Amino acid sequence: MAGIDIENKFPNSYMARAAKMGESRFVSDDTPSRILAGEQNNVSIAAAVGLTVPVNTAAGALSFPATYAIVTAVGGTMFVTYDGTTPSNVNFGISVAAGTSLPVQGAQALAAIKMQGTTMSVTYWS
């Protein structure tokens, strides 16, 4: 198998440990190791909208605001701005094709982002 430490030159490496455990040797930065804080599915974004960031109270009395979101364009192209302006097909910072996801990290980015298109789904993490 390509990429596995067959000669065992690095027996304590992450790759060797992962191969022994039967795990993937690749770690994605797009999947946070955080607490799931909520999600919104198939939200209409025909008019420009911002994110409604939930507060996670799963840890009892403590509350943790979401600081990471994965926004997925569902129905068509999604147009995105971060500067407070209204996004459209002629005014956008980023365009996201249907079925593609956009990771958004940081409280300021979550507060500033605006989207417009057809529909989106969002998963929040804290």
N, C-alpha and C. Protein backbone atom coordinates (compact mmCIF):
# COMPACT_ATOMS: atom_id res chain seq x y z
N MET A 1 0.85 -1.19 0.00
CA MET A 1 0.00 0.00 0.00
C MET A 1 0.88 1.24 0.00
N ALA A 2 0.58 2.13 -0.85
CA ALA A 2 1.37 3.35 -0.97
C ALA A 2 1.21 4.21 0.27
N GLY A 3 2.29 4.74 0.75
CA GLY A 3 2.25 5.68 1.86
C GLY A 3 2.42 5.06 3.22
N ILE A 4 2.32 3.73 3.33
CA ILE A 4 2.48 3.11 4.65
C ILE A 4 3.96 2.83 4.86
N ASP A 5 4.39 2.96 6.08
CA ASP A 5 5.78 2.79 6.47
C ASP A 5 6.13 1.30 6.48
N ILE A 6 6.25 0.69 5.28
CA ILE A 6 6.46 -0.75 5.16
C ILE A 6 7.75 -1.19 5.81
N GLU A 7 8.79 -0.41 5.66
CA GLU A 7 10.08 -0.80 6.21
C GLU A 7 10.16 -0.51 7.71
N ASN A 8 9.14 0.14 8.25
CA ASN A 8 9.06 0.45 9.67
C ASN A 8 10.24 1.29 10.15
N LYS A 9 10.62 2.26 9.33
CA LYS A 9 11.70 3.15 9.71
C LYS A 9 11.25 4.15 10.77
N PHE A 10 9.96 4.40 10.83
CA PHE A 10 9.42 5.35 11.80
C PHE A 10 8.31 4.68 12.60
N PRO A 11 8.63 3.75 13.51
CA PRO A 11 7.60 2.97 14.19
C PRO A 11 6.70 3.80 15.11
N ASN A 12 7.13 4.97 15.52
CA ASN A 12 6.32 5.79 16.42
C ASN A 12 5.65 6.96 15.71
N SER A 13 5.72 6.98 14.41
CA SER A 13 5.13 8.09 13.67
C SER A 13 3.61 8.00 13.67
N TYR A 14 2.97 9.13 13.41
CA TYR A 14 1.51 9.16 13.32
C TYR A 14 1.02 8.21 12.24
N MET A 15 1.73 8.19 11.11
CA MET A 15 1.33 7.34 10.00
C MET A 15 1.38 5.86 10.39
N ALA A 16 2.45 5.44 11.06
CA ALA A 16 2.57 4.04 11.47
C ALA A 16 1.51 3.68 12.50
N ARG A 17 1.26 4.56 13.45
CA ARG A 17 0.23 4.29 14.46
C ARG A 17 -1.13 4.17 13.82
N ALA A 18 -1.43 5.07 12.89
CA ALA A 18 -2.73 5.06 12.22
C ALA A 18 -2.89 3.78 11.40
N ALA A 19 -1.83 3.34 10.73
CA ALA A 19 -1.90 2.12 9.93
C ALA A 19 -2.15 0.91 10.82
N LYS A 20 -1.51 0.87 11.99
CA LYS A 20 -1.71 -0.24 12.92
C LYS A 20 -3.14 -0.25 13.46
N MET A 21 -3.72 0.93 13.65
CA MET A 21 -5.07 1.03 14.20
C MET A 21 -6.14 0.92 13.12
N GLY A 22 -5.73 0.86 11.85
CA GLY A 22 -6.69 0.78 10.76
C GLY A 22 -7.37 2.11 10.47
N GLU A 23 -6.78 3.21 10.90
CA GLU A 23 -7.36 4.54 10.71
C GLU A 23 -6.79 5.19 9.46
N SER A 24 -7.45 6.25 9.03
CA SER A 24 -6.93 7.03 7.93
C SER A 24 -5.66 7.74 8.38
N ARG A 25 -4.72 7.88 7.48
CA ARG A 25 -3.50 8.59 7.79
C ARG A 25 -3.62 10.07 7.51
N PHE A 26 -4.77 10.48 7.01
CA PHE A 26 -4.96 11.88 6.66
C PHE A 26 -5.93 12.52 7.64
N VAL A 27 -5.59 13.69 8.11
CA VAL A 27 -6.45 14.42 9.04
C VAL A 27 -6.93 15.68 8.33
N SER A 28 -8.22 15.88 8.28
CA SER A 28 -8.78 17.03 7.59
C SER A 28 -8.91 18.21 8.54
N ASP A 29 -8.49 19.39 8.10
CA ASP A 29 -8.68 20.60 8.89
C ASP A 29 -10.12 21.07 8.83
N ASP A 30 -10.92 20.52 7.90
CA ASP A 30 -12.30 20.94 7.75
C ASP A 30 -13.24 20.30 8.76
N THR A 31 -12.78 19.27 9.47
CA THR A 31 -13.62 18.61 10.46
C THR A 31 -13.07 18.93 11.84
N PRO A 32 -13.70 19.84 12.53
CA PRO A 32 -13.16 20.25 13.82
C PRO A 32 -13.37 19.20 14.90
N SER A 33 -12.44 19.11 15.85
CA SER A 33 -12.61 18.22 17.00
C SER A 33 -13.20 19.05 18.13
N ARG A 34 -14.43 19.48 17.93
CA ARG A 34 -15.11 20.39 18.84
C ARG A 34 -16.47 19.83 19.20
N ILE A 35 -17.25 20.60 19.93
CA ILE A 35 -18.59 20.21 20.33
C ILE A 35 -19.59 20.70 19.30
N LEU A 36 -20.43 19.80 18.80
CA LEU A 36 -21.46 20.19 17.85
C LEU A 36 -22.43 21.13 18.54
N ALA A 37 -22.65 22.31 17.95
CA ALA A 37 -23.48 23.33 18.59
C ALA A 37 -24.84 23.50 17.93
N GLY A 38 -25.09 22.82 16.84
CA GLY A 38 -26.38 22.91 16.19
C GLY A 38 -26.25 22.96 14.69
N GLU A 39 -27.39 22.91 14.03
CA GLU A 39 -27.38 22.98 12.57
C GLU A 39 -28.68 23.56 12.06
N GLN A 40 -28.62 24.06 10.85
CA GLN A 40 -29.77 24.58 10.14
C GLN A 40 -29.74 23.93 8.76
N ASN A 41 -30.86 23.32 8.37
CA ASN A 41 -30.88 22.60 7.10
C ASN A 41 -31.85 23.22 6.12
N ASN A 42 -31.41 23.31 4.87
CA ASN A 42 -32.23 23.81 3.76
C ASN A 42 -32.87 25.16 4.06
N VAL A 43 -32.05 26.10 4.50
CA VAL A 43 -32.50 27.46 4.80
C VAL A 43 -32.55 28.26 3.50
N SER A 44 -33.66 28.92 3.24
CA SER A 44 -33.79 29.74 2.04
C SER A 44 -32.93 30.99 2.18
N ILE A 45 -32.14 31.26 1.16
CA ILE A 45 -31.31 32.46 1.16
C ILE A 45 -31.56 33.26 -0.12
N ALA A 46 -32.84 33.32 -0.52
CA ALA A 46 -33.22 34.09 -1.71
C ALA A 46 -32.90 35.57 -1.49
N ALA A 47 -33.06 36.05 -0.24
CA ALA A 47 -32.63 37.40 0.14
C ALA A 47 -31.38 37.22 0.99
N ALA A 48 -30.50 38.20 1.00
CA ALA A 48 -29.24 38.09 1.74
C ALA A 48 -29.50 37.88 3.22
N VAL A 49 -28.82 36.89 3.80
CA VAL A 49 -28.96 36.57 5.22
C VAL A 49 -27.59 36.41 5.86
N GLY A 50 -27.55 36.63 7.16
CA GLY A 50 -26.37 36.32 7.95
C GLY A 50 -26.62 35.03 8.69
N LEU A 51 -25.65 34.58 9.46
CA LEU A 51 -25.80 33.35 10.23
C LEU A 51 -26.44 33.64 11.58
N THR A 52 -27.30 32.73 12.03
CA THR A 52 -27.87 32.79 13.37
C THR A 52 -27.07 31.82 14.20
N VAL A 53 -26.05 32.32 14.89
CA VAL A 53 -25.09 31.47 15.59
C VAL A 53 -25.68 31.02 16.93
N PRO A 54 -25.81 29.70 17.14
CA PRO A 54 -26.36 29.20 18.39
C PRO A 54 -25.32 29.20 19.51
N VAL A 55 -25.80 29.08 20.75
CA VAL A 55 -24.92 28.93 21.91
C VAL A 55 -25.12 27.53 22.45
N ASN A 56 -24.03 26.78 22.58
CA ASN A 56 -24.11 25.41 23.04
C ASN A 56 -24.14 25.37 24.56
N THR A 57 -25.13 24.69 25.13
CA THR A 57 -25.21 24.55 26.59
C THR A 57 -25.08 23.09 27.00
N ALA A 58 -24.41 22.29 26.19
CA ALA A 58 -24.27 20.87 26.45
C ALA A 58 -23.42 20.58 27.68
N ALA A 59 -22.61 21.51 28.10
CA ALA A 59 -21.72 21.29 29.24
C ALA A 59 -22.34 21.77 30.54
N GLY A 60 -23.64 21.65 30.68
CA GLY A 60 -24.31 22.05 31.91
C GLY A 60 -24.54 23.55 31.95
N ALA A 61 -24.12 24.19 33.03
CA ALA A 61 -24.37 25.62 33.21
C ALA A 61 -23.46 26.48 32.33
N LEU A 62 -22.38 25.91 31.84
CA LEU A 62 -21.47 26.68 30.99
C LEU A 62 -22.05 26.78 29.59
N SER A 63 -21.83 27.89 28.95
CA SER A 63 -22.28 28.03 27.56
C SER A 63 -21.09 28.45 26.70
N PHE A 64 -21.02 27.85 25.55
CA PHE A 64 -19.92 28.11 24.63
C PHE A 64 -20.48 28.58 23.30
N PRO A 65 -20.20 29.80 22.88
CA PRO A 65 -20.70 30.24 21.58
C PRO A 65 -20.00 29.49 20.45
N ALA A 66 -20.71 29.26 19.39
CA ALA A 66 -20.12 28.59 18.24
C ALA A 66 -19.06 29.51 17.63
N THR A 67 -17.92 28.94 17.30
CA THR A 67 -16.85 29.71 16.69
C THR A 67 -16.40 29.12 15.36
N TYR A 68 -17.12 28.11 14.89
CA TYR A 68 -16.77 27.44 13.64
C TYR A 68 -18.06 26.99 12.98
N ALA A 69 -18.16 27.15 11.68
CA ALA A 69 -19.34 26.70 10.94
C ALA A 69 -18.91 26.15 9.59
N ILE A 70 -19.65 25.17 9.13
CA ILE A 70 -19.46 24.66 7.78
C ILE A 70 -20.75 24.96 7.03
N VAL A 71 -20.67 25.86 6.06
CA VAL A 71 -21.83 26.30 5.29
C VAL A 71 -21.80 25.58 3.95
N THR A 72 -22.89 24.89 3.62
CA THR A 72 -22.97 24.14 2.37
C THR A 72 -24.04 24.73 1.47
N ALA A 73 -23.68 25.05 0.25
CA ALA A 73 -24.65 25.52 -0.75
C ALA A 73 -25.44 24.32 -1.23
N VAL A 74 -26.77 24.39 -1.13
CA VAL A 74 -27.60 23.23 -1.46
C VAL A 74 -28.27 23.37 -2.81
N GLY A 75 -29.02 24.44 -3.03
CA GLY A 75 -29.86 24.54 -4.22
C GLY A 75 -29.20 25.12 -5.44
N GLY A 76 -28.09 25.74 -5.31
CA GLY A 76 -27.43 26.39 -6.45
C GLY A 76 -26.23 27.18 -5.94
N THR A 77 -25.71 28.05 -6.75
CA THR A 77 -24.55 28.84 -6.36
C THR A 77 -24.92 29.80 -5.24
N MET A 78 -24.05 29.88 -4.24
CA MET A 78 -24.22 30.78 -3.10
C MET A 78 -23.16 31.88 -3.21
N PHE A 79 -23.59 33.12 -3.07
CA PHE A 79 -22.68 34.27 -3.14
C PHE A 79 -22.46 34.78 -1.72
N VAL A 80 -21.21 35.07 -1.38
CA VAL A 80 -20.84 35.38 0.00
C VAL A 80 -20.03 36.67 0.07
N THR A 81 -20.33 37.49 1.08
CA THR A 81 -19.49 38.66 1.40
C THR A 81 -19.17 38.64 2.89
N TYR A 82 -18.04 39.23 3.24
CA TYR A 82 -17.61 39.33 4.64
C TYR A 82 -17.56 40.78 5.12
N ASP A 83 -17.86 41.72 4.25
CA ASP A 83 -17.67 43.13 4.60
C ASP A 83 -18.96 43.86 4.94
N GLY A 84 -20.06 43.12 5.13
CA GLY A 84 -21.32 43.75 5.50
C GLY A 84 -22.18 44.17 4.32
N THR A 85 -21.65 44.08 3.11
CA THR A 85 -22.45 44.45 1.94
C THR A 85 -23.36 43.29 1.55
N THR A 86 -24.38 43.59 0.76
CA THR A 86 -25.32 42.57 0.32
C THR A 86 -24.73 41.81 -0.86
N PRO A 87 -24.58 40.49 -0.73
CA PRO A 87 -24.03 39.72 -1.84
C PRO A 87 -25.04 39.52 -2.96
N SER A 88 -24.56 39.39 -4.16
CA SER A 88 -25.39 39.10 -5.33
C SER A 88 -24.50 38.45 -6.38
N ASN A 89 -25.06 38.14 -7.54
CA ASN A 89 -24.23 37.52 -8.57
C ASN A 89 -23.23 38.48 -9.20
N VAL A 90 -23.31 39.77 -8.89
CA VAL A 90 -22.32 40.73 -9.37
C VAL A 90 -21.49 41.32 -8.24
N ASN A 91 -21.92 41.15 -6.99
CA ASN A 91 -21.21 41.67 -5.83
C ASN A 91 -20.99 40.54 -4.83
N PHE A 92 -19.82 39.93 -4.89
CA PHE A 92 -19.53 38.86 -3.95
C PHE A 92 -18.03 38.74 -3.75
N GLY A 93 -17.66 38.24 -2.56
CA GLY A 93 -16.26 37.97 -2.27
C GLY A 93 -15.91 36.55 -2.65
N ILE A 94 -16.87 35.64 -2.42
CA ILE A 94 -16.68 34.22 -2.71
C ILE A 94 -17.97 33.69 -3.33
N SER A 95 -17.86 32.82 -4.31
CA SER A 95 -19.02 32.09 -4.81
C SER A 95 -18.79 30.61 -4.51
N VAL A 96 -19.83 29.96 -4.02
CA VAL A 96 -19.74 28.56 -3.62
C VAL A 96 -20.73 27.77 -4.47
N ALA A 97 -20.25 26.80 -5.23
CA ALA A 97 -21.12 26.00 -6.10
C ALA A 97 -21.99 25.07 -5.28
N ALA A 98 -23.12 24.68 -5.84
CA ALA A 98 -24.04 23.76 -5.16
C ALA A 98 -23.32 22.47 -4.79
N GLY A 99 -23.54 22.02 -3.56
CA GLY A 99 -22.91 20.80 -3.07
C GLY A 99 -21.53 21.01 -2.48
N THR A 100 -21.04 22.23 -2.52
CA THR A 100 -19.72 22.55 -2.00
C THR A 100 -19.86 23.25 -0.65
N SER A 101 -18.88 23.03 0.23
CA SER A 101 -18.93 23.62 1.57
C SER A 101 -17.89 24.71 1.75
N LEU A 102 -18.21 25.64 2.62
CA LEU A 102 -17.33 26.75 2.97
C LEU A 102 -17.10 26.73 4.47
N PRO A 103 -15.89 26.44 4.96
CA PRO A 103 -15.64 26.51 6.39
C PRO A 103 -15.45 27.97 6.82
N VAL A 104 -16.06 28.34 7.93
CA VAL A 104 -15.96 29.70 8.45
C VAL A 104 -15.51 29.59 9.90
N GLN A 105 -14.37 30.20 10.23
CA GLN A 105 -13.84 30.08 11.58
C GLN A 105 -13.66 31.44 12.22
N GLY A 106 -14.07 31.55 13.47
CA GLY A 106 -13.90 32.77 14.24
C GLY A 106 -15.21 33.51 14.44
N ALA A 107 -15.38 34.05 15.64
CA ALA A 107 -16.62 34.75 15.98
C ALA A 107 -16.85 35.97 15.08
N GLN A 108 -15.80 36.71 14.75
CA GLN A 108 -15.95 37.89 13.90
C GLN A 108 -16.37 37.50 12.49
N ALA A 109 -15.80 36.44 11.95
CA ALA A 109 -16.17 35.99 10.60
C ALA A 109 -17.61 35.49 10.59
N LEU A 110 -18.03 34.77 11.64
CA LEU A 110 -19.41 34.28 11.71
C LEU A 110 -20.40 35.43 11.79
N ALA A 111 -20.02 36.50 12.48
CA ALA A 111 -20.91 37.66 12.62
C ALA A 111 -20.97 38.49 11.33
N ALA A 112 -19.89 38.52 10.57
CA ALA A 112 -19.81 39.40 9.40
C ALA A 112 -20.32 38.77 8.11
N ILE A 113 -20.32 37.45 8.02
CA ILE A 113 -20.64 36.80 6.75
C ILE A 113 -22.11 36.98 6.37
N LYS A 114 -22.34 37.19 5.07
CA LYS A 114 -23.69 37.26 4.50
C LYS A 114 -23.72 36.39 3.26
N MET A 115 -24.83 35.67 3.07
CA MET A 115 -24.97 34.77 1.95
C MET A 115 -26.25 35.07 1.18
N GLN A 116 -26.23 34.78 -0.12
CA GLN A 116 -27.43 34.87 -0.95
C GLN A 116 -27.33 33.83 -2.05
N GLY A 117 -28.45 33.23 -2.41
CA GLY A 117 -28.48 32.20 -3.44
C GLY A 117 -29.84 31.55 -3.44
N THR A 118 -29.87 30.22 -3.30
CA THR A 118 -31.16 29.52 -3.23
C THR A 118 -31.38 28.94 -1.84
N THR A 119 -30.64 27.89 -1.47
CA THR A 119 -30.74 27.32 -0.12
C THR A 119 -29.34 26.94 0.37
N MET A 120 -29.23 26.86 1.70
CA MET A 120 -27.96 26.45 2.32
C MET A 120 -28.25 25.60 3.53
N SER A 121 -27.26 24.84 3.97
CA SER A 121 -27.30 24.13 5.23
C SER A 121 -26.04 24.50 5.99
N VAL A 122 -26.19 24.65 7.32
CA VAL A 122 -25.06 25.08 8.15
C VAL A 122 -24.93 24.16 9.36
N THR A 123 -23.71 23.75 9.67
CA THR A 123 -23.42 23.02 10.89
C THR A 123 -22.49 23.88 11.72
N TYR A 124 -22.85 24.09 13.01
CA TYR A 124 -22.07 24.94 13.91
C TYR A 124 -21.32 24.09 14.92
N TRP A 125 -20.11 24.56 15.27
CA TRP A 125 -19.27 23.88 16.25
C TRP A 125 -18.77 24.91 17.26
N SER A 126 -18.62 24.49 18.52
CA SER A 126 -18.02 25.39 19.52
C SER A 126 -16.80 24.75 20.12
